[in-house]
């Protein structure tokens, strides 16, 4: 995470349905580390901050006043999270073993990238990639 006031970085916020208590998929699939958590009275997640090699993202429940929705609601999403890694095939396999669904298998493209896409258990799409 940047340490000075002039830094700019992205911190995506992924939305999940109410009542979710377990987001360990991200740890198992991508090695994410939970940095903080705000839980509801019933123990379900309100917000979790996670980090993958210093890149922060949030998992947030959908609230009644929210204009966001989970991908499950419309069977799709408007964003694909690009995750750059050193071994695309290894991370794809790890994500699938952790509960992701393969959308596109890893392959090399003429534009100089090896990419594959998975859908996580909450419906979010992740493009696992590296420049070749």
N, C-alpha and C. Protein backbone atom coordinates (compact mmCIF):
# COMPACT_ATOMS: atom_id res chain seq x y z
N UNK A 1 0.85 -1.17 0.00
CA UNK A 1 0.00 0.00 0.00
C UNK A 1 0.90 1.23 0.00
N UNK A 2 0.58 2.22 -0.83
CA UNK A 2 1.38 3.44 -0.87
C UNK A 2 1.43 4.12 0.50
N UNK A 3 2.53 4.81 0.76
CA UNK A 3 2.72 5.39 2.09
C UNK A 3 2.72 6.90 2.11
N UNK A 4 2.62 7.56 0.95
CA UNK A 4 2.59 9.02 1.01
C UNK A 4 1.28 9.53 0.42
N UNK A 5 0.96 10.78 0.71
CA UNK A 5 -0.32 11.36 0.31
C UNK A 5 -0.47 11.54 -1.19
N UNK A 6 0.62 11.50 -1.96
CA UNK A 6 0.56 11.71 -3.40
C UNK A 6 0.36 10.42 -4.18
N UNK A 7 0.32 9.29 -3.49
CA UNK A 7 0.16 8.01 -4.16
C UNK A 7 -1.30 7.77 -4.54
N UNK A 8 -1.48 7.08 -5.64
CA UNK A 8 -2.82 6.68 -6.08
C UNK A 8 -2.78 5.18 -6.34
N UNK A 9 -3.79 4.48 -5.89
CA UNK A 9 -3.88 3.05 -6.14
C UNK A 9 -5.34 2.62 -6.10
N UNK A 10 -5.62 1.51 -6.71
CA UNK A 10 -6.97 0.98 -6.73
C UNK A 10 -7.18 0.05 -5.56
N UNK A 11 -8.38 0.08 -5.00
CA UNK A 11 -8.78 -0.85 -3.95
C UNK A 11 -10.21 -1.29 -4.28
N UNK A 12 -10.37 -2.30 -5.13
CA UNK A 12 -11.71 -2.73 -5.51
C UNK A 12 -12.54 -3.17 -4.31
N UNK A 13 -13.83 -2.96 -4.41
CA UNK A 13 -14.78 -3.40 -3.39
C UNK A 13 -15.73 -4.38 -4.06
N UNK A 14 -15.69 -5.63 -3.61
CA UNK A 14 -16.51 -6.69 -4.18
C UNK A 14 -17.72 -6.92 -3.27
N UNK A 15 -18.90 -6.96 -3.85
CA UNK A 15 -20.11 -7.07 -3.05
C UNK A 15 -20.60 -8.50 -2.97
N UNK A 16 -21.09 -8.87 -1.78
CA UNK A 16 -21.63 -10.19 -1.51
C UNK A 16 -23.02 -10.04 -0.90
N UNK A 17 -23.79 -11.10 -0.97
CA UNK A 17 -25.12 -11.08 -0.37
C UNK A 17 -25.02 -11.06 1.15
N UNK A 18 -26.06 -10.60 1.81
CA UNK A 18 -26.12 -10.61 3.28
C UNK A 18 -26.05 -12.05 3.78
N UNK A 19 -25.48 -12.20 4.97
CA UNK A 19 -25.46 -13.50 5.62
C UNK A 19 -24.21 -14.32 5.41
N UNK A 20 -23.27 -13.86 4.58
CA UNK A 20 -22.04 -14.60 4.33
C UNK A 20 -21.13 -14.50 5.56
N UNK A 21 -20.59 -15.63 5.97
CA UNK A 21 -19.70 -15.65 7.13
C UNK A 21 -18.27 -16.06 6.77
N UNK A 22 -18.09 -16.65 5.61
CA UNK A 22 -16.79 -17.22 5.26
C UNK A 22 -16.33 -16.74 3.89
N UNK A 23 -15.22 -16.02 3.86
CA UNK A 23 -14.61 -15.60 2.60
C UNK A 23 -13.18 -16.15 2.52
N UNK A 24 -12.96 -17.31 3.13
CA UNK A 24 -11.62 -17.91 3.13
C UNK A 24 -11.20 -18.35 1.73
N UNK A 25 -12.12 -18.36 0.77
CA UNK A 25 -11.76 -18.68 -0.62
C UNK A 25 -10.57 -17.84 -1.06
N UNK A 26 -10.58 -16.55 -0.76
CA UNK A 26 -9.54 -15.64 -1.24
C UNK A 26 -8.16 -15.98 -0.65
N UNK A 27 -8.14 -16.46 0.58
CA UNK A 27 -6.89 -16.92 1.19
C UNK A 27 -6.42 -18.20 0.51
N UNK A 28 -7.34 -19.14 0.34
CA UNK A 28 -6.98 -20.44 -0.25
C UNK A 28 -6.58 -20.31 -1.72
N UNK A 29 -7.28 -19.46 -2.47
CA UNK A 29 -7.04 -19.34 -3.90
C UNK A 29 -5.87 -18.43 -4.24
N UNK A 30 -5.78 -17.28 -3.57
CA UNK A 30 -4.83 -16.25 -3.97
C UNK A 30 -3.84 -15.85 -2.89
N UNK A 31 -3.89 -16.51 -1.74
CA UNK A 31 -2.98 -16.17 -0.66
C UNK A 31 -3.31 -14.85 0.02
N UNK A 32 -4.56 -14.42 -0.07
CA UNK A 32 -4.96 -13.15 0.55
C UNK A 32 -4.82 -13.22 2.06
N UNK A 33 -4.53 -12.08 2.64
CA UNK A 33 -4.41 -11.95 4.09
C UNK A 33 -5.50 -11.00 4.56
N UNK A 34 -6.25 -11.43 5.56
CA UNK A 34 -7.28 -10.56 6.12
C UNK A 34 -6.63 -9.51 6.99
N UNK A 35 -6.92 -8.23 6.68
CA UNK A 35 -6.34 -7.12 7.41
C UNK A 35 -7.27 -6.59 8.49
N UNK A 36 -8.59 -6.60 8.21
CA UNK A 36 -9.57 -6.19 9.22
C UNK A 36 -10.93 -6.72 8.81
N UNK A 37 -11.82 -6.78 9.80
CA UNK A 37 -13.16 -7.29 9.56
C UNK A 37 -14.14 -6.56 10.47
N UNK A 38 -15.26 -6.19 9.89
CA UNK A 38 -16.39 -5.67 10.65
C UNK A 38 -17.53 -6.65 10.44
N UNK A 39 -17.99 -7.25 11.53
CA UNK A 39 -19.05 -8.25 11.47
C UNK A 39 -20.36 -7.67 11.97
N UNK A 40 -21.44 -8.25 11.50
CA UNK A 40 -22.77 -7.91 12.00
C UNK A 40 -23.02 -8.67 13.29
N UNK A 41 -24.08 -8.33 13.99
CA UNK A 41 -24.39 -8.98 15.27
C UNK A 41 -24.55 -10.49 15.14
N UNK A 42 -25.00 -10.96 13.98
CA UNK A 42 -25.19 -12.41 13.78
C UNK A 42 -23.90 -13.12 13.36
N UNK A 43 -22.80 -12.37 13.28
CA UNK A 43 -21.51 -12.96 12.90
C UNK A 43 -21.24 -12.92 11.41
N UNK A 44 -22.21 -12.49 10.62
CA UNK A 44 -22.00 -12.39 9.18
C UNK A 44 -21.11 -11.18 8.86
N UNK A 45 -20.59 -11.17 7.67
CA UNK A 45 -19.64 -10.13 7.26
C UNK A 45 -20.37 -8.86 6.85
N UNK A 46 -19.89 -7.75 7.40
CA UNK A 46 -20.31 -6.44 6.88
C UNK A 46 -19.24 -5.97 5.89
N UNK A 47 -17.98 -5.91 6.36
CA UNK A 47 -16.85 -5.55 5.49
C UNK A 47 -15.62 -6.33 5.94
N UNK A 48 -14.88 -6.83 4.96
CA UNK A 48 -13.58 -7.44 5.22
C UNK A 48 -12.57 -6.76 4.31
N UNK A 49 -11.44 -6.35 4.88
CA UNK A 49 -10.34 -5.83 4.06
C UNK A 49 -9.31 -6.94 3.92
N UNK A 50 -8.95 -7.22 2.67
CA UNK A 50 -7.99 -8.27 2.35
C UNK A 50 -6.84 -7.68 1.55
N UNK A 51 -5.72 -8.37 1.57
CA UNK A 51 -4.55 -7.93 0.82
C UNK A 51 -3.92 -9.13 0.12
N UNK A 52 -3.60 -8.94 -1.16
CA UNK A 52 -2.83 -9.94 -1.91
C UNK A 52 -1.51 -9.27 -2.28
N UNK A 53 -0.44 -9.70 -1.65
CA UNK A 53 0.89 -9.10 -1.87
C UNK A 53 0.86 -7.58 -1.78
N UNK A 54 0.13 -7.05 -0.83
CA UNK A 54 0.07 -5.62 -0.60
C UNK A 54 -1.04 -4.90 -1.36
N UNK A 55 -1.68 -5.57 -2.30
CA UNK A 55 -2.80 -4.96 -3.04
C UNK A 55 -4.08 -5.19 -2.24
N UNK A 56 -4.70 -4.09 -1.82
CA UNK A 56 -5.87 -4.16 -0.94
C UNK A 56 -7.15 -4.24 -1.75
N UNK A 57 -8.10 -5.04 -1.25
CA UNK A 57 -9.46 -5.03 -1.77
C UNK A 57 -10.40 -5.33 -0.62
N UNK A 58 -11.67 -4.99 -0.82
CA UNK A 58 -12.67 -5.16 0.23
C UNK A 58 -13.79 -6.07 -0.25
N UNK A 59 -14.33 -6.83 0.68
CA UNK A 59 -15.54 -7.61 0.48
C UNK A 59 -16.60 -6.93 1.35
N UNK A 60 -17.72 -6.57 0.75
CA UNK A 60 -18.73 -5.78 1.46
C UNK A 60 -20.10 -6.39 1.22
N UNK A 61 -20.86 -6.53 2.29
CA UNK A 61 -22.23 -7.02 2.13
C UNK A 61 -23.09 -5.96 1.47
N UNK A 62 -24.11 -6.39 0.80
CA UNK A 62 -25.07 -5.47 0.21
C UNK A 62 -26.01 -5.00 1.31
N UNK A 63 -26.16 -3.69 1.41
CA UNK A 63 -27.06 -3.12 2.41
C UNK A 63 -28.34 -2.65 1.73
N UNK A 64 -29.36 -2.42 2.52
CA UNK A 64 -30.65 -2.02 1.95
C UNK A 64 -30.59 -0.68 1.25
N UNK A 65 -29.68 0.17 1.63
CA UNK A 65 -29.56 1.49 1.00
C UNK A 65 -28.53 1.50 -0.12
N UNK A 66 -28.01 0.35 -0.48
CA UNK A 66 -26.95 0.27 -1.47
C UNK A 66 -27.50 0.26 -2.89
N UNK A 67 -26.75 0.86 -3.80
CA UNK A 67 -27.07 0.77 -5.21
C UNK A 67 -26.15 -0.23 -5.92
N UNK A 68 -25.42 -0.98 -5.13
CA UNK A 68 -24.58 -2.06 -5.65
C UNK A 68 -25.34 -3.37 -5.55
N UNK A 69 -24.89 -4.37 -6.28
CA UNK A 69 -25.50 -5.68 -6.19
C UNK A 69 -24.43 -6.75 -6.38
N UNK A 70 -24.72 -7.94 -5.89
CA UNK A 70 -23.78 -9.03 -6.07
C UNK A 70 -23.93 -9.57 -7.48
N UNK A 71 -22.88 -10.15 -8.04
CA UNK A 71 -22.98 -10.73 -9.38
C UNK A 71 -24.07 -11.80 -9.48
N UNK A 72 -24.33 -12.46 -8.36
CA UNK A 72 -25.35 -13.52 -8.37
C UNK A 72 -26.73 -12.98 -8.74
N UNK A 73 -27.02 -11.72 -8.40
CA UNK A 73 -28.33 -11.14 -8.64
C UNK A 73 -28.68 -11.13 -10.13
N UNK A 74 -27.72 -10.78 -10.99
CA UNK A 74 -27.96 -10.69 -12.42
C UNK A 74 -27.18 -11.73 -13.22
N UNK A 75 -26.62 -12.71 -12.52
CA UNK A 75 -25.85 -13.78 -13.16
C UNK A 75 -24.73 -13.21 -14.04
N UNK A 76 -24.04 -12.22 -13.52
CA UNK A 76 -22.93 -11.61 -14.22
C UNK A 76 -22.42 -10.41 -13.46
N UNK A 77 -21.34 -9.80 -13.94
CA UNK A 77 -20.82 -8.62 -13.29
C UNK A 77 -20.24 -7.68 -14.32
N UNK A 78 -19.96 -6.47 -13.93
CA UNK A 78 -19.44 -5.46 -14.85
C UNK A 78 -17.94 -5.27 -14.75
N UNK A 79 -17.29 -5.99 -13.85
CA UNK A 79 -15.85 -5.83 -13.65
C UNK A 79 -15.20 -7.20 -13.57
N UNK A 80 -14.03 -7.30 -14.15
CA UNK A 80 -13.19 -8.49 -14.01
C UNK A 80 -11.90 -8.02 -13.34
N UNK A 81 -11.56 -8.64 -12.22
CA UNK A 81 -10.34 -8.26 -11.49
C UNK A 81 -9.15 -8.94 -12.17
N UNK A 82 -8.20 -8.15 -12.64
CA UNK A 82 -6.98 -8.68 -13.23
C UNK A 82 -5.95 -8.92 -12.14
N UNK A 83 -5.48 -10.15 -12.03
CA UNK A 83 -4.48 -10.50 -11.03
C UNK A 83 -3.23 -10.99 -11.74
N UNK A 84 -2.15 -10.20 -11.66
CA UNK A 84 -0.89 -10.58 -12.29
C UNK A 84 -0.09 -11.47 -11.36
N UNK A 85 0.35 -12.60 -11.88
CA UNK A 85 1.07 -13.61 -11.09
C UNK A 85 2.25 -14.12 -11.90
N UNK A 86 3.12 -14.88 -11.26
CA UNK A 86 4.27 -15.43 -11.99
C UNK A 86 3.94 -16.76 -12.67
N UNK A 87 2.97 -17.51 -12.14
CA UNK A 87 2.61 -18.81 -12.71
C UNK A 87 1.08 -18.89 -12.85
N UNK A 88 0.59 -18.54 -14.02
CA UNK A 88 -0.85 -18.49 -14.27
C UNK A 88 -1.50 -19.85 -14.03
N UNK A 89 -0.91 -20.91 -14.56
CA UNK A 89 -1.51 -22.24 -14.45
C UNK A 89 -1.62 -22.70 -13.00
N UNK A 90 -0.59 -22.44 -12.22
CA UNK A 90 -0.59 -22.83 -10.81
C UNK A 90 -1.68 -22.09 -10.04
N UNK A 91 -1.82 -20.79 -10.27
CA UNK A 91 -2.82 -19.99 -9.56
C UNK A 91 -4.23 -20.37 -10.02
N UNK A 92 -4.40 -20.63 -11.32
CA UNK A 92 -5.71 -21.09 -11.82
C UNK A 92 -6.11 -22.39 -11.12
N UNK A 93 -5.19 -23.34 -11.06
CA UNK A 93 -5.48 -24.64 -10.43
C UNK A 93 -5.81 -24.45 -8.95
N UNK A 94 -5.05 -23.61 -8.27
CA UNK A 94 -5.27 -23.35 -6.85
C UNK A 94 -6.65 -22.73 -6.62
N UNK A 95 -7.02 -21.77 -7.47
CA UNK A 95 -8.32 -21.12 -7.36
C UNK A 95 -9.46 -22.11 -7.60
N UNK A 96 -9.32 -22.94 -8.59
CA UNK A 96 -10.35 -23.95 -8.90
C UNK A 96 -10.46 -24.94 -7.75
N UNK A 97 -9.34 -25.37 -7.21
CA UNK A 97 -9.37 -26.29 -6.06
C UNK A 97 -9.99 -25.65 -4.83
N UNK A 98 -9.92 -24.32 -4.75
CA UNK A 98 -10.50 -23.59 -3.60
C UNK A 98 -11.98 -23.30 -3.79
N UNK A 99 -12.52 -23.59 -4.98
CA UNK A 99 -13.95 -23.40 -5.19
C UNK A 99 -14.33 -22.51 -6.35
N UNK A 100 -13.37 -21.99 -7.11
CA UNK A 100 -13.68 -21.18 -8.29
C UNK A 100 -14.12 -22.08 -9.43
N UNK A 101 -14.78 -21.48 -10.40
CA UNK A 101 -15.19 -22.16 -11.62
C UNK A 101 -14.37 -21.61 -12.77
N UNK A 102 -13.80 -22.49 -13.58
CA UNK A 102 -13.04 -22.03 -14.74
C UNK A 102 -14.00 -21.46 -15.78
N UNK A 103 -13.71 -20.25 -16.23
CA UNK A 103 -14.49 -19.60 -17.28
C UNK A 103 -13.77 -19.74 -18.61
N UNK A 104 -12.48 -19.39 -18.61
CA UNK A 104 -11.61 -19.56 -19.79
C UNK A 104 -10.32 -20.18 -19.32
N UNK A 105 -9.89 -21.27 -19.95
CA UNK A 105 -8.62 -21.88 -19.54
C UNK A 105 -7.44 -20.97 -19.85
N UNK A 106 -6.36 -21.16 -19.15
CA UNK A 106 -5.15 -20.37 -19.38
C UNK A 106 -4.60 -20.68 -20.76
N UNK A 107 -4.22 -19.61 -21.46
CA UNK A 107 -3.60 -19.78 -22.77
C UNK A 107 -2.77 -18.55 -23.10
N UNK A 108 -1.86 -18.71 -24.05
CA UNK A 108 -1.04 -17.60 -24.51
C UNK A 108 -1.77 -16.87 -25.63
N UNK A 109 -1.67 -15.54 -25.61
CA UNK A 109 -2.33 -14.72 -26.62
C UNK A 109 -1.28 -13.97 -27.44
N UNK A 110 -1.64 -13.66 -28.69
CA UNK A 110 -0.73 -12.96 -29.61
C UNK A 110 -0.28 -11.61 -29.08
N UNK A 111 -1.05 -11.00 -28.20
CA UNK A 111 -0.70 -9.68 -27.69
C UNK A 111 0.28 -9.74 -26.51
N UNK A 112 0.80 -10.94 -26.22
CA UNK A 112 1.89 -11.05 -25.27
C UNK A 112 1.53 -11.36 -23.83
N UNK A 113 0.34 -11.91 -23.62
CA UNK A 113 -0.08 -12.28 -22.26
C UNK A 113 -0.51 -13.74 -22.22
N UNK A 114 -0.29 -14.37 -21.08
CA UNK A 114 -0.90 -15.66 -20.77
C UNK A 114 -2.01 -15.34 -19.79
N UNK A 115 -3.24 -15.75 -20.12
CA UNK A 115 -4.39 -15.38 -19.30
C UNK A 115 -5.37 -16.55 -19.21
N UNK A 116 -6.03 -16.60 -18.08
CA UNK A 116 -7.15 -17.51 -17.86
C UNK A 116 -8.11 -16.82 -16.91
N UNK A 117 -9.38 -17.20 -16.96
CA UNK A 117 -10.38 -16.53 -16.14
C UNK A 117 -11.13 -17.53 -15.29
N UNK A 118 -11.35 -17.17 -14.01
CA UNK A 118 -12.16 -17.97 -13.10
C UNK A 118 -13.25 -17.09 -12.49
N UNK A 119 -14.32 -17.75 -12.07
CA UNK A 119 -15.39 -17.07 -11.34
C UNK A 119 -15.33 -17.57 -9.91
N UNK A 120 -15.23 -16.65 -8.95
CA UNK A 120 -15.14 -17.07 -7.55
C UNK A 120 -16.51 -17.50 -7.03
N UNK A 121 -16.57 -18.09 -5.84
CA UNK A 121 -17.84 -18.61 -5.32
C UNK A 121 -18.93 -17.55 -5.13
N UNK A 122 -18.57 -16.28 -5.16
CA UNK A 122 -19.55 -15.21 -4.98
C UNK A 122 -19.95 -14.58 -6.31
N UNK A 123 -19.41 -15.11 -7.42
CA UNK A 123 -19.77 -14.64 -8.75
C UNK A 123 -18.85 -13.62 -9.36
N UNK A 124 -17.75 -13.25 -8.68
CA UNK A 124 -16.81 -12.27 -9.21
C UNK A 124 -15.82 -12.95 -10.15
N UNK A 125 -15.51 -12.28 -11.24
CA UNK A 125 -14.59 -12.82 -12.24
C UNK A 125 -13.17 -12.31 -11.99
N UNK A 126 -12.21 -13.22 -12.10
CA UNK A 126 -10.79 -12.92 -11.91
C UNK A 126 -10.03 -13.39 -13.14
N UNK A 127 -9.31 -12.47 -13.77
CA UNK A 127 -8.46 -12.84 -14.91
C UNK A 127 -7.04 -13.02 -14.37
N UNK A 128 -6.58 -14.24 -14.36
CA UNK A 128 -5.25 -14.58 -13.86
C UNK A 128 -4.32 -14.42 -15.06
N UNK A 129 -3.25 -13.64 -14.89
CA UNK A 129 -2.45 -13.31 -16.07
C UNK A 129 -1.00 -12.99 -15.76
N UNK A 130 -0.21 -13.05 -16.81
CA UNK A 130 1.17 -12.58 -16.75
C UNK A 130 1.61 -12.19 -18.16
N UNK A 131 2.51 -11.25 -18.22
CA UNK A 131 3.08 -10.85 -19.51
C UNK A 131 4.14 -11.88 -19.88
N UNK A 132 4.11 -12.32 -21.14
CA UNK A 132 5.09 -13.34 -21.58
C UNK A 132 6.05 -12.76 -22.60
